[in-house]
Protein backbone atom coordinates (compact mmCIF):
# COMPACT_ATOMS: atom_id res chain seq x y z
CA MET A 1 -71.45 -89.57 11.71
CA PRO A 2 -69.51 -87.51 14.30
CA GLN A 3 -71.36 -84.92 16.35
CA GLU A 4 -70.56 -81.18 15.53
CA HIS A 5 -69.59 -78.66 18.21
CA PRO A 6 -71.30 -75.30 17.50
CA THR A 7 -69.13 -73.31 20.02
CA THR A 8 -65.83 -73.65 18.01
CA ALA A 9 -66.39 -70.74 15.57
CA PRO A 10 -67.16 -68.12 18.24
CA GLN A 11 -64.04 -69.13 20.16
CA ASP A 12 -61.87 -68.72 17.03
CA GLY A 13 -63.35 -65.27 16.39
CA THR A 14 -62.62 -64.13 19.94
CA ALA A 15 -59.01 -65.35 19.63
CA MET A 16 -58.56 -63.44 16.36
CA LYS A 17 -59.93 -60.26 17.93
CA ALA A 18 -57.59 -60.62 20.87
CA LEU A 19 -54.62 -61.20 18.54
CA ARG A 20 -55.58 -58.21 16.39
CA LYS A 21 -55.85 -56.06 19.51
CA LYS A 22 -52.43 -57.15 20.63
CA LEU A 23 -50.99 -56.38 17.21
CA PHE A 24 -52.58 -52.92 17.17
CA LEU A 25 -51.24 -52.26 20.65
CA ALA A 26 -47.78 -53.41 19.61
CA LEU A 27 -47.97 -51.23 16.49
CA ALA A 28 -49.10 -48.26 18.55
CA ALA A 29 -46.32 -48.85 21.03
CA THR A 30 -43.81 -49.13 18.19
CA VAL A 31 -45.06 -45.89 16.62
CA ALA A 32 -44.98 -44.16 20.01
CA LEU A 33 -41.46 -45.38 20.70
CA GLY A 34 -40.37 -44.36 17.21
CA ALA A 35 -41.93 -40.93 17.68
CA ALA A 36 -40.32 -40.58 21.09
CA ALA A 37 -36.96 -41.68 19.71
CA GLY A 38 -37.29 -39.29 16.78
CA TYR A 39 -38.27 -36.45 19.05
CA GLY A 40 -35.45 -37.28 21.41
CA TYR A 41 -32.95 -37.38 18.53
CA TRP A 42 -34.25 -34.11 17.15
CA ARG A 43 -34.23 -32.55 20.61
CA LEU A 44 -30.75 -33.69 21.51
CA VAL A 45 -29.04 -33.80 18.12
CA GLY A 46 -31.10 -32.66 15.16
CA SER A 47 -32.17 -29.32 16.60
CA ARG A 48 -28.53 -28.38 17.11
CA TYR A 49 -27.81 -28.14 13.39
CA VAL A 50 -28.89 -25.45 10.95
CA GLY A 51 -28.34 -26.59 7.40
CA THR A 52 -28.59 -25.44 3.80
CA ASP A 53 -27.63 -26.73 0.39
CA ASP A 54 -27.50 -23.21 -1.03
CA ALA A 55 -23.75 -22.96 -0.49
CA TYR A 56 -20.89 -22.54 -2.93
CA VAL A 57 -17.09 -22.49 -2.84
CA ALA A 58 -15.59 -19.01 -3.18
CA ALA A 59 -12.13 -17.45 -2.97
CA ASP A 60 -10.37 -14.11 -3.11
CA ILE A 61 -9.18 -14.50 -6.69
CA ALA A 62 -5.86 -12.81 -7.42
CA GLN A 63 -6.11 -10.72 -10.58
CA VAL A 64 -2.62 -10.43 -12.05
CA THR A 65 -2.12 -7.13 -13.87
CA ALA A 66 0.84 -5.49 -15.59
CA GLN A 67 2.61 -2.96 -13.38
CA THR A 68 4.56 -1.40 -16.23
CA ALA A 69 4.01 -1.00 -19.96
CA GLY A 70 5.82 -3.19 -22.45
CA VAL A 71 5.70 -5.92 -25.07
CA VAL A 72 5.02 -9.43 -23.73
CA LYS A 73 8.03 -11.60 -24.42
CA THR A 74 6.92 -15.00 -23.13
CA VAL A 75 4.03 -16.50 -21.16
CA PRO A 76 5.25 -19.79 -19.63
CA VAL A 77 1.93 -20.77 -18.02
CA GLU A 78 -1.40 -22.06 -19.31
CA ASP A 79 -4.92 -22.23 -17.96
CA THR A 80 -5.44 -24.92 -15.27
CA GLN A 81 -1.72 -24.95 -14.50
CA VAL A 82 -0.83 -25.12 -10.80
CA VAL A 83 1.64 -22.43 -9.74
CA LYS A 84 3.30 -21.41 -6.51
CA ALA A 85 3.86 -17.93 -5.15
CA SER A 86 6.68 -16.09 -6.98
CA ASP A 87 6.54 -18.41 -10.01
CA VAL A 88 7.04 -16.55 -13.29
CA LEU A 89 3.75 -15.98 -15.11
CA ALA A 90 4.90 -13.66 -17.91
CA LEU A 91 7.99 -11.82 -19.10
CA LEU A 92 8.00 -8.37 -20.71
CA ASP A 93 10.70 -6.99 -23.01
CA ASP A 94 13.15 -5.27 -20.62
CA SER A 95 15.38 -3.41 -23.12
CA ASP A 96 13.97 0.04 -22.34
CA ALA A 97 13.94 -0.71 -18.61
CA ARG A 98 17.63 -1.65 -18.61
CA ILE A 99 18.55 1.55 -20.46
CA ALA A 100 16.55 3.54 -17.93
CA VAL A 101 18.45 1.86 -15.08
CA GLU A 102 21.80 2.76 -16.66
CA ALA A 103 20.70 6.37 -17.22
CA ALA A 104 19.47 6.66 -13.64
CA ALA A 105 22.74 5.21 -12.32
CA ALA A 106 24.68 7.79 -14.33
CA GLU A 107 22.43 10.54 -12.98
CA LEU A 108 23.07 9.33 -9.43
CA GLU A 109 26.85 9.37 -9.91
CA GLN A 110 26.64 12.84 -11.46
CA ALA A 111 24.65 14.08 -8.47
CA LYS A 112 27.26 12.70 -6.05
CA ARG A 113 30.06 14.45 -7.92
CA ARG A 114 28.09 17.67 -8.04
CA VAL A 115 27.60 17.56 -4.27
CA ARG A 116 31.30 16.89 -3.73
CA GLY A 117 31.89 19.96 -5.90
CA TYR A 118 29.63 21.96 -3.60
CA GLN A 119 31.72 20.84 -0.65
CA ALA A 120 34.97 21.80 -2.39
CA THR A 121 33.48 25.16 -3.39
CA ASP A 122 32.56 25.81 0.24
CA SER A 123 36.22 25.52 1.27
CA SER A 124 37.25 27.87 -1.55
CA LEU A 125 34.56 30.38 -0.66
CA ALA A 126 35.61 30.25 2.98
CA ALA A 127 39.16 31.24 1.96
CA GLN A 128 37.81 34.00 -0.28
CA THR A 129 35.68 35.31 2.57
CA LEU A 130 38.73 35.52 4.84
CA ALA A 131 40.63 37.34 2.09
CA ARG A 132 37.80 39.83 1.61
CA GLN A 133 37.67 40.36 5.37
CA SER A 134 41.38 41.20 5.35
CA GLU A 135 40.77 43.67 2.52
CA VAL A 136 38.07 45.32 4.61
CA ARG A 137 40.44 45.70 7.53
CA ARG A 138 43.14 47.14 5.28
CA ALA A 139 40.67 49.56 3.73
CA VAL A 140 39.52 50.65 7.18
CA ALA A 141 43.13 51.29 8.17
CA GLN A 142 43.76 53.23 4.98
CA LEU A 143 40.61 55.25 5.58
CA ALA A 144 41.78 56.11 9.09
CA ALA A 145 45.18 57.20 7.73
CA ALA A 146 43.55 59.30 5.01
CA GLN A 147 41.30 60.94 7.58
CA SER A 148 44.35 61.77 9.72
CA ASP A 149 46.22 63.20 6.69
CA ALA A 150 43.22 65.28 5.66
CA GLN A 151 42.84 66.68 9.17
CA ARG A 152 46.54 67.52 9.38
CA ALA A 153 46.62 69.13 5.95
CA THR A 154 43.52 71.16 6.73
CA ALA A 155 45.02 72.34 10.00
CA GLU A 156 48.29 73.32 8.24
CA TRP A 157 46.43 75.25 5.61
CA GLN A 158 44.33 77.07 8.20
CA ARG A 159 47.42 77.98 10.22
CA ARG A 160 49.30 79.31 7.18
CA GLN A 161 46.23 81.18 6.02
CA ALA A 162 46.18 83.01 9.40
CA LEU A 163 49.91 83.83 9.13
CA ALA A 164 49.55 85.02 5.55
CA ALA A 165 47.58 88.02 6.74
CA THR A 166 50.68 89.24 8.71
CA GLY A 167 53.03 88.54 5.83
CA ALA A 168 54.84 85.77 7.72
CA VAL A 169 53.95 83.20 5.07
CA SER A 170 54.48 83.69 1.40
CA VAL A 171 51.79 83.29 -1.17
CA GLU A 172 53.64 80.35 -2.72
CA GLU A 173 53.83 78.50 0.61
CA LEU A 174 50.14 79.16 1.22
CA ALA A 175 49.32 77.75 -2.20
CA LYS A 176 51.34 74.60 -1.51
CA SER A 177 49.54 74.15 1.80
CA GLN A 178 46.20 74.57 0.13
CA SER A 179 47.16 72.06 -2.59
CA ALA A 180 48.26 69.55 0.06
CA MET A 181 44.92 69.98 1.84
CA VAL A 182 42.97 69.33 -1.39
CA THR A 183 45.11 66.29 -2.13
CA ALA A 184 44.54 64.90 1.38
CA GLN A 185 40.78 65.38 1.09
CA THR A 186 40.81 63.71 -2.31
CA ASN A 187 42.72 60.77 -0.84
CA LEU A 188 40.18 60.64 1.99
CA THR A 189 37.32 60.44 -0.49
CA ALA A 190 39.13 57.68 -2.40
CA ALA A 191 39.83 55.79 0.82
CA ARG A 192 36.17 55.98 1.75
CA ALA A 193 35.23 54.56 -1.65
CA VAL A 194 37.78 51.78 -1.30
CA ALA A 195 36.41 50.94 2.15
CA LYS A 196 32.86 50.80 0.83
CA GLN A 197 33.95 48.61 -2.07
CA ALA A 198 35.85 46.28 0.25
CA ASP A 199 32.84 46.02 2.54
CA ALA A 200 30.55 45.28 -0.42
CA THR A 201 32.96 42.67 -1.75
CA TYR A 202 33.11 41.03 1.65
CA SER A 203 29.30 40.99 1.90
CA ALA A 204 29.07 39.42 -1.56
CA ALA A 205 31.59 36.74 -0.59
CA VAL A 206 29.63 35.96 2.58
CA GLY A 207 26.37 35.75 0.60
CA THR A 208 27.93 33.47 -2.01
CA ARG A 209 29.21 31.14 0.69
CA GLN A 210 25.84 31.12 2.45
CA ALA A 211 24.09 30.29 -0.85
CA ASN A 212 26.48 27.41 -1.43
CA ALA A 213 26.12 26.30 2.19
CA THR A 214 22.37 25.81 1.75
CA LEU A 215 23.16 23.13 -0.82
CA ILE A 216 25.23 21.09 1.65
CA ASP A 217 23.83 22.20 5.00
CA HIS A 218 23.45 19.30 7.47
CA ALA A 219 24.00 16.72 4.72
CA SER A 220 26.84 14.57 3.47
CA ALA A 221 27.50 13.45 -0.06
CA ASP A 222 25.25 10.40 0.49
CA ASP A 223 22.20 12.03 2.07
CA ASN A 224 22.16 15.29 0.16
CA PRO A 225 18.70 16.06 -1.32
CA GLU A 226 20.05 16.03 -4.87
CA VAL A 227 21.66 12.65 -4.29
CA LEU A 228 18.53 11.30 -2.60
CA LEU A 229 16.40 12.41 -5.56
CA ALA A 230 18.76 10.82 -8.05
CA ARG A 231 18.86 7.65 -5.95
CA ALA A 232 15.04 7.56 -5.90
CA HIS A 233 15.01 7.78 -9.72
CA TRP A 234 17.54 4.95 -9.87
CA GLN A 235 15.47 2.81 -7.49
CA LYS A 236 12.33 3.54 -9.53
CA ALA A 237 14.14 2.44 -12.69
CA GLN A 238 15.25 -0.77 -10.96
CA LEU A 239 11.68 -1.37 -9.79
CA ASP A 240 10.37 -0.93 -13.34
CA LEU A 241 12.98 -3.41 -14.53
CA ALA A 242 11.93 -5.93 -11.86
CA ARG A 243 8.29 -5.47 -12.85
CA THR A 244 9.01 -6.76 -16.34
CA VAL A 245 9.03 -10.18 -14.66
CA ILE A 246 5.43 -10.87 -13.60
CA ARG A 247 5.18 -13.43 -10.79
CA ALA A 248 2.36 -15.28 -9.07
CA PRO A 249 1.22 -13.49 -5.91
CA VAL A 250 -0.15 -16.65 -4.23
CA ASP A 251 -0.25 -20.42 -4.63
CA GLY A 252 -3.10 -21.45 -6.89
CA VAL A 253 -4.35 -22.41 -10.32
CA VAL A 254 -4.08 -20.22 -13.42
CA ALA A 255 -7.46 -19.26 -14.86
CA ARG A 256 -8.71 -17.06 -17.70
CA ARG A 257 -5.33 -16.26 -19.24
CA GLN A 258 -5.85 -13.27 -21.51
CA VAL A 259 -2.28 -12.37 -22.48
CA GLN A 260 -0.31 -13.64 -25.47
CA PRO A 261 3.35 -13.27 -26.52
CA GLY A 262 3.94 -10.17 -28.64
CA GLN A 263 1.02 -8.30 -27.11
CA TYR A 264 1.67 -4.73 -25.91
CA VAL A 265 0.22 -4.16 -22.47
CA GLN A 266 -0.25 -1.02 -20.44
CA ALA A 267 0.16 -0.73 -16.71
CA GLY A 268 -3.05 -1.99 -15.12
CA ASN A 269 -4.08 -4.35 -17.94
CA LEU A 270 -5.48 -7.67 -16.65
CA LEU A 271 -3.29 -10.57 -17.79
CA LEU A 272 -4.69 -13.61 -15.99
CA ASN A 273 -6.19 -14.84 -12.72
CA VAL A 274 -4.73 -17.06 -10.05
CA VAL A 275 -7.29 -18.94 -7.95
CA PRO A 276 -5.87 -19.82 -4.51
CA SER A 277 -7.07 -23.42 -4.23
CA ARG A 278 -5.90 -23.80 -0.62
CA GLN A 279 -7.34 -20.51 0.58
CA VAL A 280 -10.94 -20.99 -0.48
CA HIS A 281 -13.97 -20.53 1.73
CA VAL A 282 -17.67 -21.30 1.47
CA ASP A 283 -20.45 -18.74 1.11
CA ALA A 284 -23.54 -20.45 2.54
CA ASN A 285 -26.86 -18.67 2.01
CA PHE A 286 -29.09 -19.33 5.03
CA MET A 287 -32.68 -18.23 5.35
CA GLU A 288 -33.08 -15.33 7.74
CA GLY A 289 -35.19 -17.45 10.12
CA GLN A 290 -32.35 -19.95 10.54
CA LEU A 291 -29.80 -17.51 11.92
CA ALA A 292 -31.27 -16.76 15.35
CA ARG A 293 -28.79 -19.08 17.09
CA VAL A 294 -25.89 -18.82 14.63
CA HIS A 295 -22.80 -16.92 15.80
CA VAL A 296 -19.24 -16.35 14.65
CA GLY A 297 -16.90 -19.19 15.61
CA GLN A 298 -19.45 -22.03 15.57
CA SER A 299 -18.31 -25.26 13.93
CA VAL A 300 -19.66 -26.31 10.56
CA LEU A 301 -19.84 -29.70 8.86
CA LEU A 302 -19.77 -29.59 5.05
CA THR A 303 -19.95 -31.95 2.12
CA SER A 304 -19.30 -31.30 -1.53
CA ASP A 305 -21.29 -32.50 -4.50
CA ARG A 306 -18.00 -33.28 -6.22
CA TYR A 307 -16.79 -35.85 -3.66
CA GLY A 308 -20.14 -36.86 -2.18
CA SER A 309 -21.04 -37.52 1.44
CA ALA A 310 -18.04 -39.81 1.95
CA VAL A 311 -15.73 -36.77 2.19
CA ARG A 312 -16.55 -34.33 4.94
CA TYR A 313 -15.04 -30.93 5.54
CA HIS A 314 -14.86 -29.16 8.87
CA GLY A 315 -14.91 -25.42 9.26
CA TYR A 316 -16.21 -22.57 11.37
CA VAL A 317 -18.39 -19.51 10.88
CA GLU A 318 -16.06 -16.64 10.02
CA GLY A 319 -18.59 -13.85 9.55
CA PHE A 320 -21.84 -12.60 8.08
CA SER A 321 -22.37 -10.57 4.95
CA GLY A 322 -23.32 -6.93 5.34
CA GLY A 323 -26.58 -7.49 3.46
CA THR A 324 -28.74 -10.08 1.77
CA GLY A 325 -28.29 -11.10 -1.81
CA ALA A 326 -31.27 -8.99 -2.89
CA VAL A 327 -29.57 -5.82 -1.67
CA PHE A 328 -26.50 -6.34 -3.87
CA ALA A 329 -28.44 -7.49 -6.93
CA VAL A 330 -28.01 -5.58 -10.18
CA ILE A 331 -31.73 -4.76 -10.08
CA PRO A 332 -32.69 -4.74 -6.36
CA ALA A 333 -36.23 -5.54 -5.32
CA GLN A 334 -38.59 -2.57 -4.93
CA ASN A 335 -40.49 -3.50 -1.77
CA ALA A 336 -42.20 -0.10 -1.57
CA THR A 337 -44.56 -0.91 -4.43
CA GLY A 338 -48.29 -1.58 -4.08
CA ASN A 339 -48.16 -5.25 -5.07
CA TRP A 340 -45.95 -6.55 -2.29
CA ILE A 341 -45.37 -10.19 -1.44
CA LYS A 342 -43.08 -11.14 1.38
CA VAL A 343 -40.15 -13.27 0.21
CA VAL A 344 -37.89 -15.01 2.69
CA GLN A 345 -34.43 -13.50 2.33
CA ARG A 346 -31.14 -15.34 2.50
CA LEU A 347 -28.02 -13.95 4.17
CA PRO A 348 -24.58 -15.15 3.02
CA VAL A 349 -22.51 -16.65 5.83
CA ARG A 350 -18.76 -16.97 5.28
CA ILE A 351 -17.33 -20.32 6.41
CA ARG A 352 -13.59 -20.93 6.70
CA LEU A 353 -12.36 -24.46 5.89
CA GLU A 354 -9.43 -26.39 7.32
CA VAL A 355 -6.33 -26.17 5.14
CA GLY A 356 -5.31 -29.80 5.68
CA GLU A 357 -8.63 -31.11 4.38
CA LEU A 358 -8.40 -28.84 1.35
CA ALA A 359 -4.94 -30.19 0.61
CA ALA A 360 -6.27 -33.74 0.66
CA HIS A 361 -9.41 -32.93 -1.37
CA PRO A 362 -9.02 -29.63 -3.27
CA LEU A 363 -12.11 -27.60 -4.11
CA GLN A 364 -12.63 -25.36 -7.11
CA VAL A 365 -14.41 -22.02 -6.95
CA GLY A 366 -18.14 -22.30 -7.65
CA LEU A 367 -18.66 -25.92 -6.56
CA SER A 368 -21.89 -26.69 -4.72
CA MET A 369 -21.69 -27.50 -1.01
CA THR A 370 -24.01 -28.59 1.78
CA ALA A 371 -23.38 -26.91 5.12
CA ALA A 372 -24.68 -27.70 8.61
CA ILE A 373 -23.84 -25.35 11.49
CA ASP A 374 -23.70 -26.74 15.02
CA SER A 375 -25.56 -24.00 16.88
CA ARG A 376 -24.51 -25.39 20.27
CA SER A 377 -20.79 -25.54 19.54
């Protein structure tokens, strides 16, 4: 029988211990390197980004309302239909609007003719004023002549009255002189009345012309206030007629159509919504502790649950909301109560997306998003 060697087992045990020690050291080194690599990645890359999955697509939805009252004639669009700005969304019955335009046009023409009449009347009143001025001058001349006649007749009567005392003038001649004096004074009184009447007539003519002049003062037939007012009514009627055609204010998708043909709508009634699919943004709700290094203009990397991580969107921080969501809640939190528990608040951050990426992969309002802000950008 062969001879056994008792030292073989202890040597195998020592080798196993040495191998196990080497493996543990290798494992520890691997863990240390992994930890160092992870820390280095977090320090250099991971710590730059502030992320959240509490983000949703939003947009300034255009609410299309009726701007004038009327009966809906046709509605050529349906929900989910893509429309462009100025596309027809609804047509109202325009019969009354067309009649109003014709009436306003007639009113405008009537105003122009009335103003031209004012201008023609001004020329006529100017001629009448000159005629009344001539009458005043003639009356003044007649008054001067009557005054001269009255003075001469009075002087003749006084002279004959003095001679009558000596018998040089007969009683008959004295009576004729006295009668002539009375007649001259009567004519003087009449001349004074005629002069006053002529002056009053002239003043009335001047006043009439001035009153007519205020209607055309510093204005032609096109810019007269009456014409401008009539033109404004005509333009308003044309605007009401144009508003019977309801057009899309922006490019987008029709949503929540509430109007039907034959329905009577009042000005201000909501007809439908147009969601601007290429002008959407993202409202990302970050925790208040994440925003210490977030500023307006920083770049953002986003993904959508609709397209998955294969499609990435690029944007930038456009602004911060004026308050947290709790402030604008229907029933805001009452933090001044006795049973108070601190709750981390979230502040909405508005993120603007690139238009080209939205054109390639459109987003609908309300879709979930994941946003990561590069705080070192």
